[in-house]
Protein backbone atom coordinates (compact mmCIF):
# COMPACT_ATOMS: atom_id res chain seq x y z
CA MET A 1 111.81 141.60 113.39
CA THR A 2 108.33 140.14 113.02
CA ASP A 3 106.52 140.40 109.72
CA ARG A 4 102.77 141.00 109.95
CA ALA A 5 102.16 138.11 107.62
CA LEU A 6 100.80 134.91 109.16
CA ALA A 7 101.95 131.45 108.15
CA VAL A 8 99.08 129.07 107.42
CA LEU A 9 99.49 125.33 108.07
CA GLU A 10 97.42 122.75 106.20
CA ILE A 11 97.57 118.96 106.73
CA SER A 12 96.17 116.64 104.08
CA GLN A 13 94.95 114.16 106.72
CA ASN A 14 94.98 114.50 110.51
CA TRP A 15 94.26 110.86 111.41
CA LEU A 16 96.65 108.20 110.16
CA THR A 17 97.64 104.59 110.69
CA GLU A 18 101.36 103.88 110.92
CA GLY A 19 102.74 103.22 107.44
CA ASP A 20 100.53 105.85 105.79
CA SER A 21 101.89 109.03 104.21
CA VAL A 22 100.96 112.63 104.96
CA THR A 23 102.06 116.01 103.63
CA LEU A 24 102.08 119.26 105.59
CA GLU A 25 101.84 122.47 103.60
CA CYS A 26 102.89 125.90 104.87
CA ALA A 27 101.96 129.06 103.00
CA VAL A 28 102.10 132.83 103.46
CA ARG A 29 98.88 134.18 102.04
CA SER A 30 99.93 137.85 101.83
CA SER A 31 103.12 137.15 99.87
CA SER A 32 104.53 134.23 97.90
CA ARG A 33 108.16 134.98 97.11
CA GLY A 34 111.43 134.01 98.74
CA TRP A 35 110.20 132.48 102.01
CA THR A 36 112.09 129.81 103.97
CA PHE A 37 109.85 127.51 106.01
CA SER A 38 110.51 125.94 109.42
CA TRP A 39 108.54 123.08 110.92
CA PHE A 40 107.77 122.37 114.56
CA ARG A 41 106.32 119.44 116.50
CA ASP A 42 105.43 119.90 120.17
CA ASP A 43 107.41 123.19 120.14
CA HIS A 44 110.60 121.50 118.84
CA GLU A 45 111.97 122.44 115.42
CA LEU A 46 112.07 119.55 112.95
CA SER A 47 113.85 120.97 109.92
CA SER A 48 113.93 123.92 107.55
CA GLU A 49 113.14 123.89 103.87
CA SER A 50 113.59 126.68 101.34
CA SER A 51 110.84 127.01 98.78
CA LYS A 52 109.86 129.72 96.32
CA GLY A 53 106.21 130.07 95.53
CA ALA A 54 103.01 129.74 97.54
CA GLY A 55 104.49 127.58 100.28
CA GLY A 56 106.71 124.78 101.43
CA SER A 57 105.90 121.15 102.18
CA TYR A 58 107.00 118.61 104.73
CA THR A 59 106.22 114.93 104.07
CA LEU A 60 106.14 112.01 106.50
CA SER A 61 106.42 108.75 104.57
CA PRO A 62 105.95 106.31 106.08
CA ALA A 63 104.35 107.89 109.13
CA ALA A 64 105.24 106.32 112.48
CA VAL A 65 103.64 106.50 115.92
CA LYS A 66 106.47 108.78 117.05
CA HIS A 67 105.25 111.41 114.56
CA THR A 68 102.09 111.98 116.62
CA GLY A 69 102.05 115.52 117.96
CA VAL A 70 101.01 119.15 117.62
CA TYR A 71 102.50 120.77 114.50
CA ALA A 72 103.13 124.37 113.51
CA CYS A 73 105.17 126.18 110.89
CA ARG A 74 106.80 129.58 110.41
CA ALA A 75 108.20 131.43 107.41
CA GLU A 76 111.32 133.59 107.20
CA ARG A 77 112.57 136.01 104.55
CA GLY A 78 115.75 137.93 105.13
CA ALA A 79 115.56 139.69 108.49
CA TYR A 80 111.79 139.17 108.72
CA TYR A 81 109.78 136.21 109.94
CA THR A 82 106.07 135.56 110.28
CA GLU A 83 104.11 134.65 113.35
CA TYR A 84 103.81 130.93 114.02
CA SER A 85 100.86 129.28 112.31
CA TYR A 86 97.93 128.00 114.26
CA THR A 87 98.70 124.52 115.58
CA GLN A 88 97.21 121.33 114.20
CA LEU A 89 97.08 117.91 115.79
CA LEU A 90 98.44 114.98 113.75
CA TRP A 91 97.74 111.52 115.11
CA VAL A 92 99.39 108.27 113.97
CA THR A 93 97.80 105.12 115.40
CA PRO A 94 99.69 101.82 115.66
CA ARG A 95 98.28 99.00 113.53
CA TRP A 96 98.04 96.78 116.60
CA PRO A 97 97.59 99.08 119.62
CA GLY A 98 98.25 97.56 123.04
CA THR A 99 95.23 99.18 124.66
CA SER A 100 91.83 100.63 123.80
CA LEU A 101 89.95 103.61 125.15
CA ILE A 102 86.45 102.61 126.27
CA ILE A 103 83.89 105.38 126.77
CA ASN A 104 80.42 105.17 128.31
CA PRO A 105 78.03 106.16 126.85
CA SER A 106 79.73 104.97 123.66
CA ARG A 107 79.13 107.80 121.20
CA SER A 108 80.94 110.81 119.77
CA GLN A 109 78.29 113.47 120.46
CA HIS A 110 77.07 114.25 123.99
CA PHE A 111 74.54 116.57 125.57
CA LEU A 112 75.62 119.41 127.80
CA SER A 113 75.62 118.37 131.50
CA ASP A 114 75.70 114.63 130.66
CA SER A 115 78.15 112.42 132.54
CA LEU A 116 80.94 110.55 130.78
CA SER A 117 83.18 107.69 131.86
CA LEU A 118 86.48 106.87 130.11
CA SER A 119 88.72 103.89 130.85
CA CYS A 120 91.75 102.18 129.36
CA GLU A 121 91.34 98.51 128.47
CA ASP A 122 94.89 97.35 129.12
CA GLN A 123 96.43 94.40 127.30
CA LYS A 124 99.87 94.91 128.81
CA SER A 125 101.30 95.29 132.29
CA SER A 126 102.31 98.96 131.98
CA ARG A 127 100.17 101.65 133.62
CA TRP A 128 97.99 103.74 131.33
CA ARG A 129 96.68 107.23 131.97
CA LEU A 130 94.05 109.24 130.15
CA ARG A 131 94.98 112.40 128.28
CA ARG A 132 93.08 115.05 126.37
CA TYR A 133 93.85 117.61 123.68
CA SER A 134 91.44 120.54 123.61
CA GLU A 135 91.46 124.28 123.04
CA ARG A 136 91.46 124.99 126.77
CA LEU A 137 93.86 122.29 128.01
CA GLU A 138 96.31 121.01 125.39
CA ASN A 139 97.75 117.53 126.07
CA SER A 140 96.45 117.49 129.65
CA LEU A 141 96.12 114.61 132.13
CA SER A 142 92.71 113.42 133.31
CA SER A 143 93.39 114.83 136.79
CA ASP A 144 93.06 118.31 135.21
CA TRP A 145 89.54 117.78 133.88
CA GLY A 146 87.93 114.78 135.62
CA SER A 147 87.81 112.49 138.62
CA GLU A 148 90.58 109.91 138.17
CA THR A 149 90.57 106.40 139.64
CA GLY A 150 93.36 104.19 138.33
CA SER A 151 93.00 103.98 134.55
CA THR A 152 89.42 105.30 134.63
CA CYS A 153 88.27 108.91 134.58
CA ARG A 154 84.76 110.28 135.09
CA ILE A 155 83.36 113.66 134.11
CA SER A 156 80.21 114.19 136.15
CA SER A 157 78.83 117.14 134.16
CA LEU A 158 80.10 117.78 130.64
CA LYS A 159 80.76 121.32 129.45
CA THR A 160 81.23 122.50 125.88
CA ASN A 161 84.94 123.05 126.53
CA ASP A 162 85.23 119.32 127.30
CA THR A 163 85.09 118.87 123.51
CA GLY A 164 88.40 117.41 122.40
CA VAL A 165 90.48 114.38 121.48
CA TYR A 166 90.95 111.74 124.20
CA TRP A 167 93.44 108.87 124.36
CA CYS A 168 95.27 106.48 126.69
CA GLN A 169 99.02 106.83 127.14
CA SER A 170 101.43 104.50 128.93
CA GLU A 171 104.40 105.47 131.06
CA SER A 172 106.67 104.47 128.15
CA GLY A 173 104.83 106.80 125.74
CA GLU A 174 102.64 104.26 123.88
CA LYS A 175 99.28 105.66 122.80
CA SER A 176 95.90 104.13 122.07
CA GLN A 177 93.72 105.02 119.12
CA PRO A 178 92.20 108.46 119.85
CA VAL A 179 88.51 109.24 120.31
CA ASN A 180 86.94 112.53 119.28
CA ILE A 181 84.33 113.75 121.81
CA THR A 182 82.03 116.72 121.18
CA VAL A 183 79.68 118.33 123.72
CA HIS A 184 76.68 120.32 122.47
CA ASP A 185 74.06 122.57 124.03
CA VAL A 186 71.30 121.31 121.72
CA ASP A 187 68.09 119.25 121.95
CA VAL A 188 69.07 116.59 119.39
CA ILE A 189 72.30 114.62 118.89
CA LEU A 190 73.40 111.75 116.66
CA GLU A 191 74.65 108.55 118.25
CA SER A 192 77.44 107.18 116.07
CA SER A 193 80.50 104.98 116.47
CA VAL A 194 83.51 106.59 118.14
CA TYR A 195 85.88 104.45 116.05
CA PRO A 196 86.08 103.82 112.28
CA VAL A 197 83.87 100.99 111.03
CA ASN A 198 85.36 98.10 109.07
CA GLU A 199 83.96 97.26 105.67
CA GLU A 200 81.21 94.60 105.77
CA ASP A 201 80.50 95.32 109.46
CA PRO A 202 77.03 96.54 110.50
CA LEU A 203 76.47 100.17 111.42
CA THR A 204 73.63 101.69 113.46
CA LEU A 205 73.03 105.43 113.89
CA ARG A 206 70.44 106.68 116.38
CA CYS A 207 68.77 110.06 116.72
CA LEU A 208 68.52 111.06 120.39
CA GLN A 209 66.49 113.79 122.10
CA ARG A 210 67.56 115.55 125.28
CA THR A 211 64.11 114.75 126.73
CA THR A 212 61.66 112.04 125.68
CA ASN A 213 58.47 114.08 126.11
CA SER A 214 57.94 113.93 122.35
CA SER A 215 58.71 110.24 121.87
CA ASN A 216 56.12 109.99 119.07
CA LEU A 217 58.26 112.16 116.79
CA ARG A 218 59.94 110.43 113.87
CA ALA A 219 63.54 111.13 112.96
CA VAL A 220 64.96 111.64 109.48
CA PHE A 221 68.62 111.10 108.59
CA TYR A 222 70.94 112.86 106.16
CA LYS A 223 74.28 111.94 104.61
CA ASP A 224 76.39 114.71 103.10
CA GLY A 225 73.28 116.90 103.04
CA SER A 226 71.06 114.39 101.20
CA LEU A 227 67.99 112.80 102.79
CA ILE A 228 68.23 109.03 103.41
CA ARG A 229 64.91 107.40 102.55
CA SER A 230 65.45 103.75 103.53
CA GLN A 231 66.71 101.50 106.34
CA ILE A 232 65.14 103.69 109.07
CA THR A 233 63.04 102.23 111.92
CA ASP A 234 62.44 103.40 115.52
CA ASN A 235 64.47 106.58 114.96
CA GLN A 236 67.58 104.67 113.96
CA LEU A 237 69.39 104.07 110.70
CA SER A 238 70.67 100.50 110.25
CA ILE A 239 73.19 99.47 107.59
CA PRO A 240 73.78 95.66 107.60
CA ALA A 241 77.17 95.81 105.87
CA VAL A 242 78.99 99.09 105.28
CA SER A 243 81.21 99.90 102.32
CA LYS A 244 83.40 102.86 101.40
CA SER A 245 80.37 104.51 99.80
CA HIS A 246 78.82 104.87 103.26
CA GLU A 247 81.67 107.10 104.46
CA GLY A 248 80.67 110.72 105.01
CA PHE A 249 79.03 113.33 107.24
CA TYR A 250 75.76 112.24 108.90
CA TYR A 251 73.17 114.10 110.94
CA CYS A 252 69.57 113.56 111.98
CA LYS A 253 66.54 115.75 112.54
CA PHE A 254 63.30 115.75 114.53
CA GLN A 255 60.53 118.02 113.30
CA LYS A 256 59.87 120.76 115.90
CA ARG A 257 62.95 119.75 117.91
CA GLY A 258 65.75 120.66 115.53
CA GLU A 259 68.67 118.79 114.01
CA SER A 260 71.82 117.23 115.43
CA PRO A 261 75.37 118.40 114.74
CA LYS A 262 77.19 116.52 111.99
CA SER A 263 79.45 113.54 112.64
CA TRP A 264 81.98 111.99 110.28
CA VAL A 265 81.61 108.22 109.80
CA SER A 266 84.87 106.64 108.65
CA VAL A 267 85.01 103.25 106.91
CA THR A 268 88.27 101.30 106.79
CA GLU A 269 89.31 98.30 104.77
CA SER A 270 90.02 95.07 106.61
CA GLN A 271 93.69 94.03 106.24
CA THR A 272 92.77 90.36 106.58
CA GLU A 273 90.11 90.58 103.90
CA ASN A 274 92.54 92.31 101.54
CA GLN A 275 95.11 89.55 102.00
CA VAL A 276 92.51 86.83 101.48
CA SER A 277 91.25 88.57 98.34
CA VAL A 278 94.76 88.73 96.87
CA LEU A 279 95.37 85.06 97.63
CA LYS A 280 92.04 84.09 96.08
CA MET A 281 92.84 86.10 92.98
CA ILE A 282 96.26 84.46 92.59
CA SER A 283 94.81 80.99 93.20
CA SER A 284 92.02 81.50 90.66
CA VAL A 285 94.47 82.71 88.01
CA PHE A 286 96.59 79.58 88.25
CA ALA A 287 93.63 77.25 88.72
CA VAL A 288 91.76 78.51 85.66
CA SER A 289 94.76 79.19 83.42
CA PRO A 290 97.66 76.76 84.09
CA TYR A 291 99.00 77.60 80.64
CA ILE A 292 99.96 81.13 81.79
CA LEU A 293 102.83 80.05 84.01
CA VAL A 294 104.19 77.55 81.48
CA SER A 295 103.92 80.09 78.67
CA ILE A 296 105.94 82.60 80.71
CA ILE A 297 108.64 79.97 81.39
CA LEU A 298 108.83 78.99 77.74
CA ALA A 299 108.96 82.64 76.69
CA VAL A 300 111.95 83.18 78.96
CA LYS A 301 113.66 80.09 77.54
CA CYS A 302 112.96 81.33 74.04
CA HIS A 303 114.58 84.65 74.83
CA ARG A 304 117.64 82.96 76.30
CA ALA A 305 117.94 80.37 73.53
CA LYS A 306 117.81 82.77 70.56
CA GLY A 307 120.19 80.58 68.60
CA LYS A 308 118.22 77.39 69.41
CA PRO A 309 114.68 78.01 68.12
CA ASP A 310 114.12 74.40 67.08
CA GLU A 311 114.94 73.14 70.59
CA VAL A 312 112.47 75.53 72.24
CA HIS A 313 109.76 74.77 69.70
CA ALA A 314 110.21 71.04 70.29
CA GLU A 315 109.86 71.49 74.06
CA TYR A 316 106.66 73.49 73.60
CA VAL A 317 105.16 70.82 71.29
CA THR A 318 106.03 68.12 73.83
CA TRP A 319 104.28 70.01 76.64
CA ARG A 320 101.14 70.62 74.55
CA THR A 321 101.01 66.94 73.58
CA ARG A 322 101.10 65.89 77.23
CA GLN A 323 98.23 68.25 78.07
CA GLN A 324 96.07 66.64 75.39
CA VAL A 325 96.67 63.04 76.55
């Protein structure tokens, strides 16, 4: 029997890099007692967990590329079970993907009826094909929504239902980093990077009009609803070196023409820079304070000696005397 209650699925983060952790939460809003929760990926059941309270949880730690998929959950209680939750896409990107999705024009937002070209920049010998996840065509091949030539696909006239997540996939199942494309029937859009921006890299956002008849209009930019008052010239916002503080929702506005939809700008830390920073920190510690390491060694010897305090004290005095010579 089907209970009228609906299971609700929430994912703490939809876009991950392999090695990250993510938790999926399933809840039944109309009732909170005695439910058993089942989890599904791409229509296949993963596992079942019993949980009393507002909902159950399913954790992927560490997340792997194989965990990429469309997730749903369902709750059961006795002879009753809820409807399946609405699906959510969870994407896990490899740290060193073998291919990249190149789009032209290179931006997330697009005007209605614009053309769009997508191609896979292959670094391996395997054949790659373009796929899309959208409300109308879930996990569909490019032949279903565009004109396909090899590893390139062209959409001659974008429609709003072309909004979705696009990626390259090899015959063996490898996937590129996804790109989120949105199509809008508006007069103003924001040109922003389709991929996350690394810390310290430059970032440029442009405010674009559908027509250029009012080219003398000046654009203003907003971040998380607040007006940005600097770094704006020629209807573009330029940030020489981004940091985590620049992450957020951006949009732009032309007086008399309207405002663009919002786009999320993601800023990621550079793995190389993190490693260099750690090495520099370790090097500086030992370069500035050589006594730290020796003090630790002597402390260990002191603990082990216990019954030989005079011997340890003599060794410490000898070392200090040599440092002063």
